[in-house]
């Protein structure tokens, strides 16, 4: 039985409904599968959303036994390196989950 994994990605303002969205979701699912996980859900941060996907992700991590999160790159957390680090530390240190980053990963 495979362990579950959540995905997280941020859409560019110009591409909230575009092909890039589908390609990224497919890439997340494929990478999770190759690493031996089942991608249970992808949390997508959108500019026009009333509910921050990052908050939904952290709530889901706390409520479930899932302890793995896959992202295309750290840019999907934030553009500023300090904020990227803070978001990553929140997930890893406060929740105890592992972050898997596709960018730079061997395929």
C-alpha atoms as a PDB file:
ATOM      1  CA  UNK A   1       0.000   0.000   0.000  1.00  0.00           C
ATOM      2  CA  UNK A   2       1.402   3.371  -1.053  1.00  0.00           C
ATOM      3  CA  UNK A   3       1.634   6.326   1.305  1.00  0.00           C
ATOM      4  CA  UNK A   4      -0.431   9.392   0.517  1.00  0.00           C
ATOM      5  CA  UNK A   5       1.057  12.710  -0.542  1.00  0.00           C
ATOM      6  CA  UNK A   6      -0.366  16.188  -1.032  1.00  0.00           C
ATOM      7  CA  UNK A   7       0.669  18.567  -3.763  1.00  0.00           C
ATOM      8  CA  UNK A   8       0.861  22.347  -3.626  1.00  0.00           C
ATOM      9  CA  UNK A   9       1.262  24.838  -6.438  1.00  0.00           C
ATOM     10  CA  UNK A  10       0.723  28.527  -7.083  1.00  0.00           C
ATOM     11  CA  UNK A  11      -0.723  29.634 -10.400  1.00  0.00           C
ATOM     12  CA  UNK A  12       0.640  32.658 -12.175  1.00  0.00           C
ATOM     13  CA  UNK A  13      -1.965  35.424 -12.422  1.00  0.00           C
ATOM     14  CA  UNK A  14      -1.985  35.142 -16.206  1.00  0.00           C
ATOM     15  CA  UNK A  15      -2.477  31.372 -16.212  1.00  0.00           C
ATOM     16  CA  UNK A  16      -5.175  30.461 -13.703  1.00  0.00           C
ATOM     17  CA  UNK A  17      -7.068  28.306 -16.206  1.00  0.00           C
ATOM     18  CA  UNK A  18      -4.310  27.456 -18.682  1.00  0.00           C
ATOM     19  CA  UNK A  19      -2.462  24.466 -20.039  1.00  0.00           C
ATOM     20  CA  UNK A  20       0.440  25.094 -17.640  1.00  0.00           C
ATOM     21  CA  UNK A  21      -1.879  24.277 -14.746  1.00  0.00           C
ATOM     22  CA  UNK A  22      -2.713  20.864 -16.191  1.00  0.00           C
ATOM     23  CA  UNK A  23       0.929  20.166 -17.076  1.00  0.00           C
ATOM     24  CA  UNK A  24       2.089  20.990 -13.542  1.00  0.00           C
ATOM     25  CA  UNK A  25      -0.606  18.822 -11.986  1.00  0.00           C
ATOM     26  CA  UNK A  26       0.394  15.948 -14.253  1.00  0.00           C
ATOM     27  CA  UNK A  27       4.054  16.450 -13.376  1.00  0.00           C
ATOM     28  CA  UNK A  28       3.277  16.414  -9.642  1.00  0.00           C
ATOM     29  CA  UNK A  29       1.236  13.219  -9.989  1.00  0.00           C
ATOM     30  CA  UNK A  30       3.894  11.513 -12.105  1.00  0.00           C
ATOM     31  CA  UNK A  31       6.710  12.393  -9.752  1.00  0.00           C
ATOM     32  CA  UNK A  32       4.713  11.250  -6.713  1.00  0.00           C
ATOM     33  CA  UNK A  33       3.991   7.945  -8.446  1.00  0.00           C
ATOM     34  CA  UNK A  34       7.661   7.411  -9.356  1.00  0.00           C
ATOM     35  CA  UNK A  35       8.626   8.017  -5.731  1.00  0.00           C
ATOM     36  CA  UNK A  36       6.111   5.417  -4.542  1.00  0.00           C
ATOM     37  CA  UNK A  37       3.311   7.724  -3.329  1.00  0.00           C
ATOM     38  CA  UNK A  38      -0.314   8.271  -4.206  1.00  0.00           C
ATOM     39  CA  UNK A  39      -1.089  11.940  -4.817  1.00  0.00           C
ATOM     40  CA  UNK A  40      -4.233  12.392  -2.740  1.00  0.00           C
ATOM     41  CA  UNK A  41      -4.948  16.048  -3.472  1.00  0.00           C
ATOM     42  CA  UNK A  42      -3.322  19.123  -4.984  1.00  0.00           C
ATOM     43  CA  UNK A  43      -3.837  22.444  -3.203  1.00  0.00           C
ATOM     44  CA  UNK A  44      -3.749  25.251  -5.782  1.00  0.00           C
ATOM     45  CA  UNK A  45      -3.074  28.825  -4.722  1.00  0.00           C
ATOM     46  CA  UNK A  46      -5.007  31.215  -6.944  1.00  0.00           C
ATOM     47  CA  UNK A  47      -4.953  34.996  -6.958  1.00  0.00           C
ATOM     48  CA  UNK A  48      -8.753  35.320  -6.976  1.00  0.00           C
ATOM     49  CA  UNK A  49      -9.453  32.785  -4.227  1.00  0.00           C
ATOM     50  CA  UNK A  50     -10.965  33.828  -0.904  1.00  0.00           C
ATOM     51  CA  UNK A  51      -9.378  30.900   0.949  1.00  0.00           C
ATOM     52  CA  UNK A  52      -5.577  30.548   0.922  1.00  0.00           C
ATOM     53  CA  UNK A  53      -4.574  27.101  -0.352  1.00  0.00           C
ATOM     54  CA  UNK A  54      -1.525  27.067   1.940  1.00  0.00           C
ATOM     55  CA  UNK A  55      -3.795  27.301   4.991  1.00  0.00           C
ATOM     56  CA  UNK A  56      -5.982  24.515   3.607  1.00  0.00           C
ATOM     57  CA  UNK A  57      -2.858  22.400   3.036  1.00  0.00           C
ATOM     58  CA  UNK A  58      -1.561  22.865   6.573  1.00  0.00           C
ATOM     59  CA  UNK A  59      -5.021  22.145   8.018  1.00  0.00           C
ATOM     60  CA  UNK A  60      -5.218  18.942   5.950  1.00  0.00           C
ATOM     61  CA  UNK A  61      -1.740  17.878   7.076  1.00  0.00           C
ATOM     62  CA  UNK A  62      -2.712  18.360  10.711  1.00  0.00           C
ATOM     63  CA  UNK A  63      -5.976  16.431  10.282  1.00  0.00           C
ATOM     64  CA  UNK A  64      -4.567  13.511   8.298  1.00  0.00           C
ATOM     65  CA  UNK A  65      -1.729  11.061   8.605  1.00  0.00           C
ATOM     66  CA  UNK A  66      -0.154  12.386   5.415  1.00  0.00           C
ATOM     67  CA  UNK A  67       3.349  13.724   5.996  1.00  0.00           C
ATOM     68  CA  UNK A  68       4.642  14.357   2.467  1.00  0.00           C
ATOM     69  CA  UNK A  69       4.079  17.421   0.271  1.00  0.00           C
ATOM     70  CA  UNK A  70       5.286  17.797  -3.300  1.00  0.00           C
ATOM     71  CA  UNK A  71       5.838  21.168  -5.007  1.00  0.00           C
ATOM     72  CA  UNK A  72       7.150  22.041  -8.495  1.00  0.00           C
ATOM     73  CA  UNK A  73       9.676  24.488  -6.959  1.00  0.00           C
ATOM     74  CA  UNK A  74      10.036  26.688  -3.893  1.00  0.00           C
ATOM     75  CA  UNK A  75       8.770  29.613  -5.988  1.00  0.00           C
ATOM     76  CA  UNK A  76       5.326  28.048  -5.604  1.00  0.00           C
ATOM     77  CA  UNK A  77       5.478  28.840  -1.886  1.00  0.00           C
ATOM     78  CA  UNK A  78       6.565  32.452  -2.458  1.00  0.00           C
ATOM     79  CA  UNK A  79       8.859  34.572  -4.601  1.00  0.00           C
ATOM     80  CA  UNK A  80      10.856  35.924  -1.666  1.00  0.00           C
ATOM     81  CA  UNK A  81      13.491  33.489  -0.334  1.00  0.00           C
ATOM     82  CA  UNK A  82      12.781  34.410   3.297  1.00  0.00           C
ATOM     83  CA  UNK A  83       9.079  33.667   2.920  1.00  0.00           C
ATOM     84  CA  UNK A  84       9.878  30.421   1.058  1.00  0.00           C
ATOM     85  CA  UNK A  85      12.061  29.378   3.976  1.00  0.00           C
ATOM     86  CA  UNK A  86       9.393  30.305   6.552  1.00  0.00           C
ATOM     87  CA  UNK A  87       6.669  28.349   4.735  1.00  0.00           C
ATOM     88  CA  UNK A  88       8.935  25.335   4.309  1.00  0.00           C
ATOM     89  CA  UNK A  89       9.993  25.431   7.970  1.00  0.00           C
ATOM     90  CA  UNK A  90       6.353  25.674   9.046  1.00  0.00           C
ATOM     91  CA  UNK A  91       5.511  22.461   7.202  1.00  0.00           C
ATOM     92  CA  UNK A  92       8.671  20.584   8.111  1.00  0.00           C
ATOM     93  CA  UNK A  93       9.317  21.674  11.682  1.00  0.00           C
ATOM     94  CA  UNK A  94       5.925  22.590  13.083  1.00  0.00           C
ATOM     95  CA  UNK A  95       3.846  19.938  11.307  1.00  0.00           C
ATOM     96  CA  UNK A  96       6.536  17.298  10.778  1.00  0.00           C
ATOM     97  CA  UNK A  97       5.967  16.751   7.066  1.00  0.00           C
ATOM     98  CA  UNK A  98       8.597  16.352   4.364  1.00  0.00           C
ATOM     99  CA  UNK A  99       8.745  18.665   1.324  1.00  0.00           C
ATOM    100  CA  UNK A 100       9.551  17.076  -2.037  1.00  0.00           C
ATOM    101  CA  UNK A 101      10.746  19.582  -4.656  1.00  0.00           C
ATOM    102  CA  UNK A 102      10.566  18.563  -8.318  1.00  0.00           C
ATOM    103  CA  UNK A 103      12.842  21.326  -9.626  1.00  0.00           C
ATOM    104  CA  UNK A 104      16.318  19.896  -9.797  1.00  0.00           C
ATOM    105  CA  UNK A 105      15.150  16.341  -9.011  1.00  0.00           C
ATOM    106  CA  UNK A 106      16.497  13.496 -11.101  1.00  0.00           C
ATOM    107  CA  UNK A 107      13.935  11.819 -13.334  1.00  0.00           C
END
